[in-house]
C-alpha cells in the first residue's frame, strides 16, 4: 500500500473486519521478546506489539517507504513508546540484524514482495534458532473475502513458497474472518 493510503490501515472497523486483536493474541508475545513487524506501515500492529513485549523487548519495524516510518515514529512518540527500531528495508533485503528475532510477523505483505526468495533468505537469517515467521494473508480459497484476487493467497501457495525456502509449517490458526494465519519455523538442514 502506498503511504498516501495509510489512513486505511488504521480505520476504525479494521478489528471488526479482520479480528486483529485476536490475531495478535495468537502471536503469544511475551515481555522481553524481540519481534519484527515486516511491512509495518504506520504502525497498526507495531505499537501494540511494542506494548506487549514491554520495555525489555524490542520491535523491529521494517518498511520500504520512509513516509510510513515517519508516521509510525510520530504515533509511537505520541504514545510514549520507545522500544521500536525503525528500519528502511530494501525490496530484496529486510535489513534485519542476524539472529535477532523471536518472531517475524507479515500481515498482508508477503504477496507484495517483488523478490520473495531474497526476502525470505533475509528473514531466515534474522530468526533466532527457535524463531517463527507468521504469515497472515487474505484467503484466496474464499470468494466471499472482499479483497482483489491479486492480494490473496491460498494455503497451498503459502506452504509451497515457504517450505521451498527453508521453513516448515509448525502451526495454523484458522479462526480469522478473512485471512489465513500460518506459523513457520526454520527447517533443519
Protein backbone atom coordinates (compact mmCIF):
# COMPACT_ATOMS: atom_id res chain seq x y z
CA UNK A 1 0.00 0.00 0.00
CA UNK A 2 1.24 3.43 -0.90
CA UNK A 3 1.90 5.73 2.05
CA UNK A 4 -0.82 8.13 0.89
CA UNK A 5 -3.39 5.43 1.68
CA UNK A 6 -2.08 4.91 5.21
CA UNK A 7 -5.33 6.01 6.82
CA UNK A 8 -6.96 2.79 5.61
CA UNK A 9 -4.52 0.79 7.75
CA UNK A 10 -5.81 2.38 10.97
CA UNK A 11 -9.51 2.51 10.05
CA UNK A 12 -11.92 2.08 12.97
CA UNK A 13 -13.63 -1.03 11.60
CA UNK A 14 -10.42 -2.96 10.90
CA UNK A 15 -10.61 -5.06 14.05
CA UNK A 16 -14.25 -5.96 13.31
CA UNK A 17 -13.35 -6.97 9.76
CA UNK A 18 -10.09 -8.80 10.43
CA UNK A 19 -10.17 -9.71 14.16
CA UNK A 20 -6.78 -8.04 14.59
CA UNK A 21 -6.86 -8.21 18.40
CA UNK A 22 -7.48 -11.97 18.25
CA UNK A 23 -4.72 -12.34 15.67
CA UNK A 24 -2.23 -10.55 17.91
CA UNK A 25 -3.28 -12.72 20.88
CA UNK A 26 -2.33 -15.78 18.80
CA UNK A 27 1.21 -14.42 18.48
CA UNK A 28 1.62 -15.16 22.20
CA UNK A 29 4.05 -12.28 22.66
CA UNK A 30 5.83 -12.09 25.99
CA UNK A 31 7.80 -9.35 27.73
CA UNK A 32 11.42 -9.28 26.62
CA UNK A 33 10.87 -10.77 23.18
CA UNK A 34 12.49 -9.30 20.07
CA UNK A 35 9.99 -9.31 17.22
CA UNK A 36 9.59 -7.79 13.77
CA UNK A 37 6.60 -6.21 12.07
CA UNK A 38 7.59 -6.69 8.42
CA UNK A 39 5.84 -4.11 6.26
CA UNK A 40 4.94 -2.18 9.38
CA UNK A 41 3.25 0.69 7.58
CA UNK A 42 2.23 3.38 10.02
CA UNK A 43 2.32 1.03 13.00
CA UNK A 44 -1.15 -0.53 13.33
CA UNK A 45 0.38 -3.77 14.64
CA UNK A 46 3.78 -2.37 15.63
CA UNK A 47 2.53 -0.23 18.52
CA UNK A 48 0.51 -2.95 20.30
CA UNK A 49 3.36 -5.41 19.72
CA UNK A 50 5.77 -2.94 21.36
CA UNK A 51 3.45 -2.68 24.36
CA UNK A 52 3.19 -6.49 24.57
CA UNK A 53 6.97 -7.11 24.59
CA UNK A 54 7.48 -4.30 27.10
CA UNK A 55 10.44 -2.07 27.85
CA UNK A 56 12.83 -5.04 27.90
CA UNK A 57 11.61 -6.18 24.49
CA UNK A 58 12.13 -4.77 21.03
CA UNK A 59 10.10 -4.42 17.84
CA UNK A 60 11.86 -4.02 14.53
CA UNK A 61 9.54 -2.06 12.23
CA UNK A 62 10.63 -2.79 8.65
CA UNK A 63 9.17 -0.70 5.87
CA UNK A 64 10.34 0.31 2.38
CA UNK A 65 8.52 3.64 2.43
CA UNK A 66 10.25 6.26 4.59
CA UNK A 67 6.98 8.22 4.81
CA UNK A 68 5.32 5.28 6.61
CA UNK A 69 8.22 5.12 9.07
CA UNK A 70 7.80 8.83 9.82
CA UNK A 71 4.09 8.30 10.54
CA UNK A 72 4.95 5.35 12.78
CA UNK A 73 7.53 7.38 14.69
CA UNK A 74 5.01 10.17 15.34
CA UNK A 75 2.39 7.69 16.55
CA UNK A 76 4.92 5.95 18.83
CA UNK A 77 6.13 9.27 20.26
CA UNK A 78 2.54 10.35 20.99
CA UNK A 79 2.05 7.12 22.99
CA UNK A 80 5.44 7.30 24.72
CA UNK A 81 6.62 4.02 23.15
CA UNK A 82 10.39 3.84 22.89
CA UNK A 83 11.23 0.18 22.15
CA UNK A 84 10.74 0.32 18.37
CA UNK A 85 13.70 0.14 15.99
CA UNK A 86 12.71 1.52 12.60
CA UNK A 87 14.41 0.03 9.55
CA UNK A 88 14.10 1.24 5.97
CA UNK A 89 14.27 -2.10 4.20
CA UNK A 90 15.08 -2.77 0.59
CA UNK A 91 12.96 -4.62 -1.96
CA UNK A 92 15.37 -7.57 -1.78
CA UNK A 93 16.59 -7.34 1.84
CA UNK A 94 14.73 -6.61 5.09
CA UNK A 95 18.00 -5.28 6.58
CA UNK A 96 17.37 -7.07 9.89
CA UNK A 97 20.26 -7.98 12.20
CA UNK A 98 21.30 -11.63 12.07
CA UNK A 99 19.69 -13.98 14.65
CA UNK A 100 17.79 -11.05 16.18
CA UNK A 101 14.12 -12.09 16.07
CA UNK A 102 11.96 -14.45 18.09
CA UNK A 103 9.08 -13.77 15.68
CA UNK A 104 8.60 -12.03 12.33
CA UNK A 105 5.04 -11.01 11.51
CA UNK A 106 3.92 -10.38 7.91
CA UNK A 107 0.32 -9.16 7.71
CA UNK A 108 -0.91 -8.95 4.12
CA UNK A 109 2.60 -8.11 2.96
CA UNK A 110 4.25 -11.30 1.68
CA UNK A 111 2.21 -11.31 -1.54
CA UNK A 112 3.56 -7.80 -2.25
CA UNK A 113 7.23 -8.88 -2.28
CA UNK A 114 8.89 -8.31 -5.64
CA UNK A 115 11.83 -10.51 -4.54
CA UNK A 116 10.29 -13.16 -2.25
CA UNK A 117 13.25 -15.58 -2.28
CA UNK A 118 15.72 -12.88 -1.25
CA UNK A 119 13.35 -11.52 1.38
CA UNK A 120 12.77 -14.98 2.84
CA UNK A 121 16.53 -15.53 2.92
CA UNK A 122 16.95 -12.30 4.90
CA UNK A 123 14.12 -13.24 7.24
CA UNK A 124 15.60 -16.72 7.76
CA UNK A 125 18.95 -15.18 8.71
CA UNK A 126 17.22 -12.77 11.13
CA UNK A 127 15.40 -15.52 13.04
CA UNK A 128 16.76 -16.96 16.23
CA UNK A 129 17.04 -20.80 16.09
CA UNK A 130 13.57 -21.31 17.61
CA UNK A 131 12.04 -18.23 15.97
CA UNK A 132 8.90 -18.26 13.86
CA UNK A 133 7.61 -16.42 10.83
CA UNK A 134 3.88 -15.69 10.90
CA UNK A 135 2.10 -15.08 7.60
CA UNK A 136 -1.34 -13.54 7.68
CA UNK A 137 -2.78 -13.39 4.15
CA UNK A 138 -6.28 -12.96 2.76
CA UNK A 139 -7.80 -16.33 1.77
CA UNK A 140 -7.82 -16.92 -1.99
CA UNK A 141 -9.94 -20.05 -1.46
CA UNK A 142 -12.84 -17.89 -0.25
CA UNK A 143 -14.67 -15.79 -2.86
CA UNK A 144 -16.62 -14.01 -0.11
CA UNK A 145 -13.45 -12.26 1.14
CA UNK A 146 -13.90 -8.71 -0.27
CA UNK A 147 -10.32 -8.23 -1.45
CA UNK A 148 -8.95 -8.20 -5.00
CA UNK A 149 -7.61 -11.62 -6.10
CA UNK A 150 -4.07 -10.28 -6.56
CA UNK A 151 -3.98 -9.54 -2.81
CA UNK A 152 -4.96 -13.07 -1.76
CA UNK A 153 -3.07 -16.34 -1.31
CA UNK A 154 -4.04 -19.98 -0.87
CA UNK A 155 -2.67 -22.13 1.95
CA UNK A 156 -1.11 -24.40 -0.68
CA UNK A 157 0.71 -21.46 -2.28
CA UNK A 158 1.97 -20.16 1.08
CA UNK A 159 3.17 -23.63 2.11
CA UNK A 160 4.90 -24.29 -1.21
CA UNK A 161 6.79 -20.99 -1.16
CA UNK A 162 7.84 -21.09 2.49
CA UNK A 163 8.82 -24.77 2.54
CA UNK A 164 10.89 -24.44 -0.63
CA UNK A 165 12.75 -21.55 1.04
CA UNK A 166 13.90 -23.30 4.21
CA UNK A 167 10.85 -23.15 6.50
CA UNK A 168 8.46 -25.73 7.94
CA UNK A 169 4.85 -25.25 8.97
CA UNK A 170 4.56 -25.53 12.75
CA UNK A 171 1.08 -24.21 13.47
CA UNK A 172 -2.04 -22.70 11.91
CA UNK A 173 -4.85 -20.58 13.29
CA UNK A 174 -7.98 -20.79 11.15
CA UNK A 175 -10.41 -18.59 13.05
CA UNK A 176 -9.80 -15.20 11.48
CA UNK A 177 -12.74 -13.91 9.42
CA UNK A 178 -10.89 -13.29 6.13
CA UNK A 179 -7.28 -14.41 6.49
CA UNK A 180 -5.04 -17.44 6.87
CA UNK A 181 -2.64 -17.33 9.82
CA UNK A 182 0.28 -19.71 9.39
CA UNK A 183 3.34 -20.14 11.61
CA UNK A 184 6.64 -21.35 10.14
CA UNK A 185 9.85 -22.35 11.91
CA UNK A 186 13.26 -22.94 10.42
CA UNK A 187 13.60 -26.28 8.64
CA UNK A 188 16.55 -28.30 9.91
CA UNK A 189 19.17 -28.72 7.22
